[in-house]
Amino acid sequence: MQIVERHFGMLEVHADSQADVRQAGAAILSALELKEEQRLRPRVVSDQVVRHLDDHQCMLINRMRHGNMIMAGQTLFILECEPAAYAALAANEAEKAADISILEVRAFGSFGRVYIGGEEKDVEAARPAAVQALAALTGREHAS
């Protein structure tokens, strides 16, 4: 997937082999004459949990879904980060940590968002995994 955007576009590479993806990433950085250490360090702008959604809230959230949906009584977690591409990493780590539904990932532009739904216990397990994955990354700080 490639999204061209004025300030923060996105190029996403997939393969069955993690080694192939890593090699492709190294080739892209080499062609751009950049190093991984030059990346911006991710910053969590906000993370919110909304518990026990009602029918009307679910209807509004689900109206644009093309896949996973959230049901009444479930919990919603919204993470916003900068730059946006890190939203994909946060969603991936959350999904590995708990039995949740990834409702949406917006991973391009200045700010990214991850919308996660599920039972409260699962969302409470996924939340720290997503936040800690971003906190663990190094990089240069954002300009003030």
N, C-alpha and C. Protein backbone atom coordinates (compact mmCIF):
# COMPACT_ATOMS: atom_id res chain seq x y z
N MET A 1 0.85 -1.16 0.00
CA MET A 1 0.00 0.00 0.00
C MET A 1 0.89 1.23 0.00
N GLN A 2 0.52 2.20 -0.80
CA GLN A 2 1.24 3.46 -0.83
C GLN A 2 0.23 4.59 -0.80
N ILE A 3 0.44 5.55 0.10
CA ILE A 3 -0.41 6.73 0.18
C ILE A 3 0.51 7.94 0.09
N VAL A 4 0.27 8.77 -0.89
CA VAL A 4 1.06 9.98 -1.07
C VAL A 4 0.31 11.11 -0.38
N GLU A 5 1.00 11.77 0.53
CA GLU A 5 0.39 12.82 1.33
C GLU A 5 1.42 13.93 1.47
N ARG A 6 0.98 15.14 1.63
CA ARG A 6 1.90 16.28 1.61
C ARG A 6 3.05 16.17 2.62
N HIS A 7 2.74 15.84 3.85
CA HIS A 7 3.79 15.85 4.87
C HIS A 7 4.22 14.44 5.29
N PHE A 8 3.27 13.57 5.61
CA PHE A 8 3.59 12.22 6.06
C PHE A 8 2.80 11.21 5.23
N GLY A 9 3.39 10.73 4.15
CA GLY A 9 2.78 9.66 3.38
C GLY A 9 3.06 8.32 4.03
N MET A 10 2.73 7.26 3.31
CA MET A 10 2.95 5.93 3.89
C MET A 10 3.27 4.95 2.77
N LEU A 11 4.20 4.07 3.04
CA LEU A 11 4.51 2.94 2.17
C LEU A 11 4.50 1.71 3.06
N GLU A 12 3.64 0.77 2.75
CA GLU A 12 3.49 -0.43 3.57
C GLU A 12 3.91 -1.63 2.73
N VAL A 13 4.77 -2.47 3.28
CA VAL A 13 5.30 -3.63 2.57
C VAL A 13 4.92 -4.89 3.34
N HIS A 14 4.41 -5.89 2.63
CA HIS A 14 4.00 -7.16 3.25
C HIS A 14 4.70 -8.33 2.57
N ALA A 15 4.98 -9.36 3.34
CA ALA A 15 5.51 -10.61 2.79
C ALA A 15 5.26 -11.71 3.82
N ASP A 16 5.32 -12.95 3.36
CA ASP A 16 5.18 -14.08 4.27
C ASP A 16 6.37 -14.18 5.22
N SER A 17 7.49 -13.68 4.78
CA SER A 17 8.74 -13.76 5.56
C SER A 17 9.06 -12.40 6.17
N GLN A 18 9.24 -12.37 7.51
CA GLN A 18 9.65 -11.14 8.17
C GLN A 18 11.02 -10.68 7.67
N ALA A 19 11.89 -11.63 7.36
CA ALA A 19 13.22 -11.29 6.84
C ALA A 19 13.11 -10.53 5.51
N ASP A 20 12.17 -10.94 4.66
CA ASP A 20 11.98 -10.24 3.39
C ASP A 20 11.49 -8.81 3.61
N VAL A 21 10.60 -8.62 4.58
CA VAL A 21 10.10 -7.27 4.88
C VAL A 21 11.23 -6.40 5.42
N ARG A 22 12.03 -6.97 6.32
CA ARG A 22 13.16 -6.21 6.88
C ARG A 22 14.17 -5.84 5.79
N GLN A 23 14.42 -6.77 4.87
CA GLN A 23 15.35 -6.51 3.78
C GLN A 23 14.80 -5.42 2.86
N ALA A 24 13.51 -5.45 2.59
CA ALA A 24 12.89 -4.40 1.76
C ALA A 24 13.00 -3.05 2.46
N GLY A 25 12.77 -3.01 3.78
CA GLY A 25 12.91 -1.77 4.53
C GLY A 25 14.32 -1.21 4.46
N ALA A 26 15.31 -2.09 4.59
CA ALA A 26 16.71 -1.66 4.51
C ALA A 26 17.02 -1.12 3.12
N ALA A 27 16.48 -1.75 2.08
CA ALA A 27 16.72 -1.28 0.71
C ALA A 27 16.08 0.09 0.48
N ILE A 28 14.89 0.29 1.02
CA ILE A 28 14.21 1.59 0.88
C ILE A 28 15.01 2.68 1.58
N LEU A 29 15.43 2.41 2.83
CA LEU A 29 16.22 3.40 3.55
C LEU A 29 17.53 3.70 2.83
N SER A 30 18.16 2.68 2.28
CA SER A 30 19.41 2.87 1.55
C SER A 30 19.19 3.75 0.32
N ALA A 31 18.12 3.48 -0.42
CA ALA A 31 17.83 4.27 -1.62
C ALA A 31 17.55 5.74 -1.27
N LEU A 32 16.97 5.96 -0.11
CA LEU A 32 16.67 7.33 0.35
C LEU A 32 17.85 7.97 1.08
N GLU A 33 18.93 7.19 1.26
CA GLU A 33 20.12 7.63 1.99
C GLU A 33 19.76 8.07 3.41
N LEU A 34 18.95 7.23 4.08
CA LEU A 34 18.53 7.48 5.46
C LEU A 34 18.88 6.29 6.32
N LYS A 35 18.89 6.52 7.63
CA LYS A 35 19.13 5.45 8.60
C LYS A 35 17.92 5.38 9.54
N GLU A 36 17.68 4.19 10.07
CA GLU A 36 16.55 3.98 10.98
C GLU A 36 16.61 4.93 12.18
N GLU A 37 17.81 5.26 12.64
CA GLU A 37 17.98 6.14 13.79
C GLU A 37 17.48 7.56 13.53
N GLN A 38 17.29 7.92 12.27
CA GLN A 38 16.83 9.26 11.91
C GLN A 38 15.31 9.41 12.00
N ARG A 39 14.61 8.32 12.24
CA ARG A 39 13.15 8.39 12.30
C ARG A 39 12.69 9.27 13.46
N LEU A 40 11.48 9.78 13.34
CA LEU A 40 10.87 10.50 14.45
C LEU A 40 10.45 9.49 15.51
N ARG A 41 10.69 9.82 16.74
CA ARG A 41 10.23 8.97 17.83
C ARG A 41 8.72 9.12 17.95
N PRO A 42 7.97 8.02 18.07
CA PRO A 42 6.52 8.16 18.18
C PRO A 42 6.11 8.83 19.49
N ARG A 43 5.01 9.54 19.40
CA ARG A 43 4.46 10.22 20.57
C ARG A 43 2.98 9.89 20.66
N VAL A 44 2.56 9.39 21.82
CA VAL A 44 1.14 9.14 22.04
C VAL A 44 0.51 10.47 22.40
N VAL A 45 -0.44 10.90 21.58
CA VAL A 45 -1.11 12.18 21.79
C VAL A 45 -2.28 12.00 22.76
N SER A 46 -3.01 10.91 22.59
CA SER A 46 -4.10 10.60 23.53
C SER A 46 -4.43 9.12 23.45
N ASP A 47 -4.95 8.61 24.55
CA ASP A 47 -5.51 7.27 24.55
C ASP A 47 -6.68 7.28 25.52
N GLN A 48 -7.81 6.82 25.01
CA GLN A 48 -9.05 6.86 25.77
C GLN A 48 -9.75 5.52 25.71
N VAL A 49 -10.43 5.19 26.81
CA VAL A 49 -11.25 3.99 26.86
C VAL A 49 -12.68 4.42 27.17
N VAL A 50 -13.61 3.92 26.36
CA VAL A 50 -15.04 4.17 26.60
C VAL A 50 -15.65 2.81 26.89
N ARG A 51 -16.17 2.66 28.10
CA ARG A 51 -16.70 1.37 28.54
C ARG A 51 -18.21 1.31 28.34
N HIS A 52 -18.69 0.09 28.15
CA HIS A 52 -20.11 -0.21 28.07
C HIS A 52 -20.86 0.70 27.08
N LEU A 53 -20.49 0.55 25.81
CA LEU A 53 -21.14 1.35 24.76
C LEU A 53 -22.62 0.98 24.65
N ASP A 54 -23.43 1.97 24.33
CA ASP A 54 -24.85 1.68 24.12
C ASP A 54 -25.12 1.47 22.63
N ASP A 55 -26.34 1.07 22.30
CA ASP A 55 -26.72 0.74 20.92
C ASP A 55 -26.46 1.89 19.96
N HIS A 56 -26.79 3.10 20.37
CA HIS A 56 -26.66 4.26 19.49
C HIS A 56 -25.18 4.58 19.19
N GLN A 57 -24.34 4.47 20.20
CA GLN A 57 -22.91 4.69 19.99
C GLN A 57 -22.36 3.65 19.00
N CYS A 58 -22.76 2.40 19.18
CA CYS A 58 -22.30 1.33 18.28
C CYS A 58 -22.76 1.56 16.85
N MET A 59 -23.99 2.01 16.70
CA MET A 59 -24.52 2.28 15.37
C MET A 59 -23.68 3.35 14.67
N LEU A 60 -23.30 4.40 15.38
CA LEU A 60 -22.49 5.47 14.79
C LEU A 60 -21.09 4.99 14.44
N ILE A 61 -20.52 4.18 15.30
CA ILE A 61 -19.16 3.67 15.04
C ILE A 61 -19.17 2.67 13.89
N ASN A 62 -20.19 1.81 13.82
CA ASN A 62 -20.23 0.73 12.83
C ASN A 62 -20.70 1.16 11.45
N ARG A 63 -21.24 2.34 11.31
CA ARG A 63 -21.85 2.73 10.03
C ARG A 63 -20.87 2.74 8.86
N MET A 64 -19.60 2.92 9.13
CA MET A 64 -18.61 2.95 8.05
C MET A 64 -17.68 1.73 8.06
N ARG A 65 -18.02 0.71 8.80
CA ARG A 65 -17.16 -0.47 8.92
C ARG A 65 -17.24 -1.32 7.65
N HIS A 66 -16.13 -1.90 7.32
CA HIS A 66 -16.06 -2.85 6.21
C HIS A 66 -15.62 -4.22 6.71
N GLY A 67 -15.46 -4.34 8.01
CA GLY A 67 -14.97 -5.59 8.58
C GLY A 67 -15.48 -5.73 10.00
N ASN A 68 -14.58 -5.69 10.96
CA ASN A 68 -14.94 -5.86 12.36
C ASN A 68 -15.91 -4.79 12.83
N MET A 69 -16.78 -5.20 13.75
CA MET A 69 -17.77 -4.27 14.31
C MET A 69 -17.68 -4.33 15.84
N ILE A 70 -18.25 -3.33 16.47
CA ILE A 70 -18.32 -3.30 17.92
C ILE A 70 -19.79 -3.44 18.32
N MET A 71 -20.04 -4.15 19.41
CA MET A 71 -21.40 -4.43 19.84
C MET A 71 -21.71 -3.69 21.13
N ALA A 72 -23.01 -3.48 21.37
CA ALA A 72 -23.45 -2.83 22.60
C ALA A 72 -22.91 -3.59 23.81
N GLY A 73 -22.49 -2.83 24.81
CA GLY A 73 -21.94 -3.43 26.02
C GLY A 73 -20.44 -3.62 25.97
N GLN A 74 -19.85 -3.54 24.78
CA GLN A 74 -18.40 -3.72 24.67
C GLN A 74 -17.67 -2.42 25.00
N THR A 75 -16.35 -2.50 24.97
CA THR A 75 -15.48 -1.38 25.31
C THR A 75 -14.73 -0.93 24.06
N LEU A 76 -14.56 0.38 23.94
CA LEU A 76 -13.85 1.00 22.82
C LEU A 76 -12.57 1.65 23.33
N PHE A 77 -11.47 1.42 22.63
CA PHE A 77 -10.19 2.06 22.95
C PHE A 77 -9.76 2.85 21.72
N ILE A 78 -9.41 4.11 21.92
CA ILE A 78 -8.94 4.97 20.84
C ILE A 78 -7.56 5.49 21.21
N LEU A 79 -6.59 5.25 20.35
CA LEU A 79 -5.23 5.72 20.54
C LEU A 79 -4.91 6.68 19.40
N GLU A 80 -4.35 7.83 19.73
CA GLU A 80 -3.92 8.78 18.73
C GLU A 80 -2.42 8.99 18.91
N CYS A 81 -1.68 8.90 17.80
CA CYS A 81 -0.23 9.03 17.88
C CYS A 81 0.30 9.89 16.75
N GLU A 82 1.57 10.28 16.93
CA GLU A 82 2.24 11.12 15.95
C GLU A 82 3.64 10.58 15.72
N PRO A 83 4.12 10.43 14.51
CA PRO A 83 3.43 10.45 13.23
C PRO A 83 2.47 9.28 13.07
N ALA A 84 1.61 9.42 12.12
CA ALA A 84 0.49 8.48 11.95
C ALA A 84 0.90 7.04 11.67
N ALA A 85 1.99 6.83 10.98
CA ALA A 85 2.37 5.46 10.58
C ALA A 85 2.53 4.53 11.77
N TYR A 86 2.86 5.07 12.93
CA TYR A 86 3.03 4.23 14.11
C TYR A 86 1.72 3.63 14.60
N ALA A 87 0.59 4.11 14.11
CA ALA A 87 -0.70 3.54 14.48
C ALA A 87 -0.77 2.07 14.06
N ALA A 88 -0.16 1.74 12.93
CA ALA A 88 -0.16 0.35 12.46
C ALA A 88 0.60 -0.55 13.43
N LEU A 89 1.73 -0.08 13.93
CA LEU A 89 2.50 -0.86 14.91
C LEU A 89 1.70 -1.04 16.19
N ALA A 90 1.08 0.03 16.66
CA ALA A 90 0.29 -0.05 17.90
C ALA A 90 -0.85 -1.06 17.75
N ALA A 91 -1.53 -1.03 16.62
CA ALA A 91 -2.64 -1.97 16.37
C ALA A 91 -2.14 -3.41 16.33
N ASN A 92 -1.00 -3.63 15.70
CA ASN A 92 -0.43 -4.97 15.59
C ASN A 92 -0.08 -5.52 16.97
N GLU A 93 0.54 -4.71 17.81
CA GLU A 93 0.93 -5.17 19.14
C GLU A 93 -0.30 -5.40 20.02
N ALA A 94 -1.31 -4.56 19.88
CA ALA A 94 -2.55 -4.74 20.65
C ALA A 94 -3.23 -6.05 20.27
N GLU A 95 -3.25 -6.34 18.98
CA GLU A 95 -3.90 -7.55 18.50
C GLU A 95 -3.17 -8.81 18.96
N LYS A 96 -1.86 -8.73 19.08
CA LYS A 96 -1.09 -9.87 19.57
C LYS A 96 -1.31 -10.10 21.06
N ALA A 97 -1.66 -9.04 21.79
CA ALA A 97 -1.77 -9.13 23.25
C ALA A 97 -3.12 -9.60 23.75
N ALA A 98 -4.18 -9.48 22.92
CA ALA A 98 -5.52 -9.78 23.44
C ALA A 98 -6.47 -10.12 22.30
N ASP A 99 -7.60 -10.71 22.66
CA ASP A 99 -8.65 -11.07 21.72
C ASP A 99 -9.55 -9.86 21.50
N ILE A 100 -9.12 -8.99 20.60
CA ILE A 100 -9.83 -7.73 20.35
C ILE A 100 -10.21 -7.65 18.88
N SER A 101 -11.03 -6.67 18.56
CA SER A 101 -11.36 -6.37 17.16
C SER A 101 -10.70 -5.05 16.79
N ILE A 102 -9.93 -5.08 15.72
CA ILE A 102 -9.39 -3.84 15.19
C ILE A 102 -10.49 -3.22 14.34
N LEU A 103 -11.04 -2.12 14.79
CA LEU A 103 -12.14 -1.48 14.08
C LEU A 103 -11.64 -0.60 12.95
N GLU A 104 -10.55 0.11 13.20
CA GLU A 104 -9.98 0.96 12.16
C GLU A 104 -8.58 1.38 12.56
N VAL A 105 -7.73 1.53 11.54
CA VAL A 105 -6.39 2.07 11.72
C VAL A 105 -6.19 3.14 10.66
N ARG A 106 -5.94 4.35 11.09
CA ARG A 106 -5.61 5.46 10.18
C ARG A 106 -4.13 5.74 10.35
N ALA A 107 -3.33 5.30 9.39
CA ALA A 107 -1.89 5.31 9.55
C ALA A 107 -1.17 6.23 8.56
N PHE A 108 -1.83 7.28 8.13
CA PHE A 108 -1.14 8.24 7.27
C PHE A 108 -1.54 9.65 7.68
N GLY A 109 -0.65 10.59 7.39
CA GLY A 109 -0.86 11.97 7.80
C GLY A 109 -0.03 12.28 9.04
N SER A 110 -0.30 13.41 9.64
CA SER A 110 0.46 13.82 10.82
C SER A 110 0.09 13.01 12.05
N PHE A 111 -1.20 12.75 12.23
CA PHE A 111 -1.67 12.03 13.41
C PHE A 111 -2.41 10.77 12.98
N GLY A 112 -2.09 9.66 13.62
CA GLY A 112 -2.75 8.40 13.32
C GLY A 112 -3.68 8.01 14.44
N ARG A 113 -4.67 7.19 14.11
CA ARG A 113 -5.61 6.73 15.12
C ARG A 113 -5.84 5.24 14.97
N VAL A 114 -6.01 4.60 16.13
CA VAL A 114 -6.36 3.18 16.18
C VAL A 114 -7.64 3.08 16.99
N TYR A 115 -8.63 2.39 16.44
CA TYR A 115 -9.90 2.14 17.13
C TYR A 115 -9.98 0.64 17.37
N ILE A 116 -10.07 0.26 18.64
CA ILE A 116 -10.10 -1.14 19.04
C ILE A 116 -11.35 -1.39 19.86
N GLY A 117 -12.00 -2.52 19.62
CA GLY A 117 -13.19 -2.87 20.38
C GLY A 117 -13.10 -4.27 20.93
N GLY A 118 -13.90 -4.52 21.95
CA GLY A 118 -13.96 -5.87 22.51
C GLY A 118 -14.46 -5.86 23.93
N GLU A 119 -14.33 -7.00 24.56
CA GLU A 119 -14.70 -7.10 25.97
C GLU A 119 -13.72 -6.27 26.79
N GLU A 120 -14.20 -5.73 27.89
CA GLU A 120 -13.38 -4.82 28.68
C GLU A 120 -12.05 -5.44 29.11
N LYS A 121 -12.05 -6.69 29.54
CA LYS A 121 -10.81 -7.33 29.98
C LYS A 121 -9.79 -7.44 28.84
N ASP A 122 -10.28 -7.68 27.63
CA ASP A 122 -9.39 -7.78 26.49
C ASP A 122 -8.83 -6.41 26.08
N VAL A 123 -9.69 -5.42 26.08
CA VAL A 123 -9.24 -4.06 25.74
C VAL A 123 -8.22 -3.57 26.77
N GLU A 124 -8.46 -3.89 28.04
CA GLU A 124 -7.52 -3.49 29.10
C GLU A 124 -6.18 -4.21 28.97
N ALA A 125 -6.14 -5.36 28.32
CA ALA A 125 -4.87 -6.04 28.04
C ALA A 125 -4.20 -5.48 26.79
N ALA A 126 -5.00 -5.08 25.82
CA ALA A 126 -4.47 -4.56 24.56
C ALA A 126 -3.91 -3.15 24.70
N ARG A 127 -4.55 -2.35 25.54
CA ARG A 127 -4.16 -0.95 25.69
C ARG A 127 -2.69 -0.77 26.07
N PRO A 128 -2.21 -1.39 27.16
CA PRO A 128 -0.80 -1.18 27.50
C PRO A 128 0.16 -1.74 26.44
N ALA A 129 -0.24 -2.80 25.75
CA ALA A 129 0.63 -3.36 24.71
C ALA A 129 0.83 -2.34 23.58
N ALA A 130 -0.24 -1.67 23.20
CA ALA A 130 -0.16 -0.66 22.13
C ALA A 130 0.69 0.53 22.56
N VAL A 131 0.43 1.03 23.76
CA VAL A 131 1.14 2.20 24.26
C VAL A 131 2.62 1.89 24.49
N GLN A 132 2.91 0.74 25.08
CA GLN A 132 4.29 0.38 25.37
C GLN A 132 5.10 0.11 24.10
N ALA A 133 4.45 -0.40 23.07
CA ALA A 133 5.16 -0.63 21.81
C ALA A 133 5.69 0.68 21.25
N LEU A 134 4.91 1.73 21.36
CA LEU A 134 5.36 3.03 20.87
C LEU A 134 6.40 3.65 21.78
N ALA A 135 6.22 3.50 23.08
CA ALA A 135 7.17 4.06 24.05
C ALA A 135 8.54 3.41 23.94
N ALA A 136 8.59 2.18 23.48
CA ALA A 136 9.86 1.45 23.40
C ALA A 136 10.73 1.85 22.22
N LEU A 137 10.16 2.56 21.26
CA LEU A 137 10.92 2.93 20.07
C LEU A 137 11.78 4.16 20.31
N THR A 138 12.94 4.16 19.67
CA THR A 138 13.84 5.30 19.77
C THR A 138 13.72 6.14 18.50
N GLY A 139 14.30 7.29 18.53
CA GLY A 139 14.31 8.16 17.37
C GLY A 139 14.54 9.60 17.79
N ARG A 140 14.53 10.47 16.83
CA ARG A 140 14.75 11.88 17.15
C ARG A 140 13.44 12.49 17.65
N GLU A 141 13.58 13.49 18.48
CA GLU A 141 12.41 14.14 19.07
C GLU A 141 11.76 15.07 18.05
N HIS A 142 10.50 15.34 18.26
CA HIS A 142 9.73 16.25 17.40
C HIS A 142 10.21 17.68 17.63
N ALA A 143 10.23 18.45 16.57
CA ALA A 143 10.58 19.86 16.70
C ALA A 143 9.47 20.60 17.42
N SER A 144 9.82 21.52 18.27
CA SER A 144 8.82 22.27 19.04
C SER A 144 8.13 23.30 18.19
